[in-house]
């Protein structure tokens, strides 16, 4: 099964905005997904937007990406503005991050 379109979109956007290689970018996003208990093949746009806000800034900072928090906020906003986010998965997404101790919005 192929990775979700939202996963691919986030990886491509991060690769274009940073010096990370394709392999580094995809691996970093997969690590964050695993921490959240999510799968790259089934990740929704809403889940990826929350991942960008909650977990990816730290992962990117560990990889010496300057301005990681701002970049992730910008990409989450772009993802949402493209109308890719499903409204129905917001409560499920927030519950995943509450379990991780990341709180909600």
Protein backbone atom coordinates (compact mmCIF):
# COMPACT_ATOMS: atom_id res chain seq x y z
CA UNK A 1 0.00 0.00 0.00
CA UNK A 2 1.31 3.47 -0.90
CA UNK A 3 1.77 6.31 1.57
CA UNK A 4 -1.10 8.76 1.94
CA UNK A 5 -1.26 11.89 -0.19
CA UNK A 6 -1.06 14.03 2.97
CA UNK A 7 2.14 12.26 4.08
CA UNK A 8 3.68 12.77 0.64
CA UNK A 9 2.63 16.43 0.58
CA UNK A 10 4.23 17.15 3.97
CA UNK A 11 7.44 15.30 3.07
CA UNK A 12 7.76 17.13 -0.25
CA UNK A 13 7.09 20.51 1.35
CA UNK A 14 9.65 19.88 4.11
CA UNK A 15 12.25 18.68 1.65
CA UNK A 16 11.83 21.81 -0.47
CA UNK A 17 12.05 24.09 2.58
CA UNK A 18 15.06 22.46 4.27
CA UNK A 19 18.42 20.97 3.45
CA UNK A 20 17.27 17.50 4.44
CA UNK A 21 17.42 14.79 1.78
CA UNK A 22 14.32 12.90 0.69
CA UNK A 23 15.34 9.95 2.87
CA UNK A 24 16.00 12.16 5.91
CA UNK A 25 12.73 14.03 5.46
CA UNK A 26 10.57 10.94 5.05
CA UNK A 27 12.33 9.21 7.95
CA UNK A 28 11.84 12.21 10.23
CA UNK A 29 8.14 12.41 9.42
CA UNK A 30 7.77 8.65 9.94
CA UNK A 31 9.42 8.93 13.38
CA UNK A 32 6.93 11.64 14.38
CA UNK A 33 4.03 9.55 13.03
CA UNK A 34 5.22 6.54 15.03
CA UNK A 35 5.38 8.65 18.21
CA UNK A 36 1.76 9.63 17.58
CA UNK A 37 0.71 6.05 16.87
CA UNK A 38 -0.15 6.84 13.26
CA UNK A 39 0.70 5.19 9.93
CA UNK A 40 2.08 7.00 6.86
CA UNK A 41 -0.21 4.94 4.61
CA UNK A 42 -3.36 6.10 6.38
CA UNK A 43 -2.42 9.55 7.72
CA UNK A 44 -5.09 12.13 6.96
CA UNK A 45 -4.44 15.78 6.18
CA UNK A 46 -5.84 16.72 9.58
CA UNK A 47 -3.51 14.33 11.36
CA UNK A 48 -0.55 15.63 9.38
CA UNK A 49 -1.44 19.25 10.21
CA UNK A 50 -1.52 18.45 13.93
CA UNK A 51 1.71 16.48 13.58
CA UNK A 52 3.29 19.56 12.01
CA UNK A 53 2.16 21.64 14.97
CA UNK A 54 2.92 19.25 17.82
CA UNK A 55 5.76 16.84 17.03
CA UNK A 56 7.64 17.81 13.89
CA UNK A 57 9.09 21.09 15.22
CA UNK A 58 11.05 19.13 17.84
CA UNK A 59 12.13 16.45 15.40
CA UNK A 60 13.35 19.05 12.91
CA UNK A 61 15.12 21.04 15.62
CA UNK A 62 17.01 17.88 16.58
CA UNK A 63 18.20 17.75 12.99
CA UNK A 64 19.47 21.36 13.13
CA UNK A 65 16.67 22.80 10.97
CA UNK A 66 16.58 26.49 11.86
CA UNK A 67 13.17 28.04 12.35
CA UNK A 68 11.53 24.61 12.57
CA UNK A 69 8.55 25.79 14.62
CA UNK A 70 7.70 28.63 12.25
CA UNK A 71 8.16 26.43 9.20
CA UNK A 72 5.88 23.76 10.63
CA UNK A 73 3.19 26.32 11.50
CA UNK A 74 3.37 27.72 7.97
CA UNK A 75 3.09 24.27 6.40
CA UNK A 76 0.17 23.31 8.68
CA UNK A 77 -1.63 26.49 7.62
CA UNK A 78 -0.93 25.78 3.94
CA UNK A 79 -2.17 22.21 4.34
CA UNK A 80 -5.39 23.46 5.90
CA UNK A 81 -5.87 26.29 3.39
CA UNK A 82 -5.74 23.82 0.54
CA UNK A 83 -8.91 22.28 1.87
CA UNK A 84 -7.26 18.92 2.41
CA UNK A 85 -8.20 18.62 6.06
CA UNK A 86 -11.24 16.54 6.87
CA UNK A 87 -13.46 18.07 9.53
CA UNK A 88 -14.52 14.74 10.99
CA UNK A 89 -11.17 13.60 12.27
CA UNK A 90 -10.32 16.56 14.54
CA UNK A 91 -11.59 14.99 17.78
CA UNK A 92 -9.75 11.73 17.05
CA UNK A 93 -6.54 13.62 16.31
CA UNK A 94 -6.75 15.61 19.51
CA UNK A 95 -7.34 12.46 21.54
CA UNK A 96 -4.17 10.90 20.12
CA UNK A 97 -2.08 13.90 21.15
CA UNK A 98 -3.73 14.11 24.60
CA UNK A 99 -2.65 10.51 25.19
CA UNK A 100 0.89 11.51 24.26
CA UNK A 101 0.78 14.32 26.80
CA UNK A 102 0.85 16.99 24.14
CA UNK A 103 -2.52 18.46 25.16
CA UNK A 104 -4.98 19.87 22.72
CA UNK A 105 -5.20 23.15 20.84
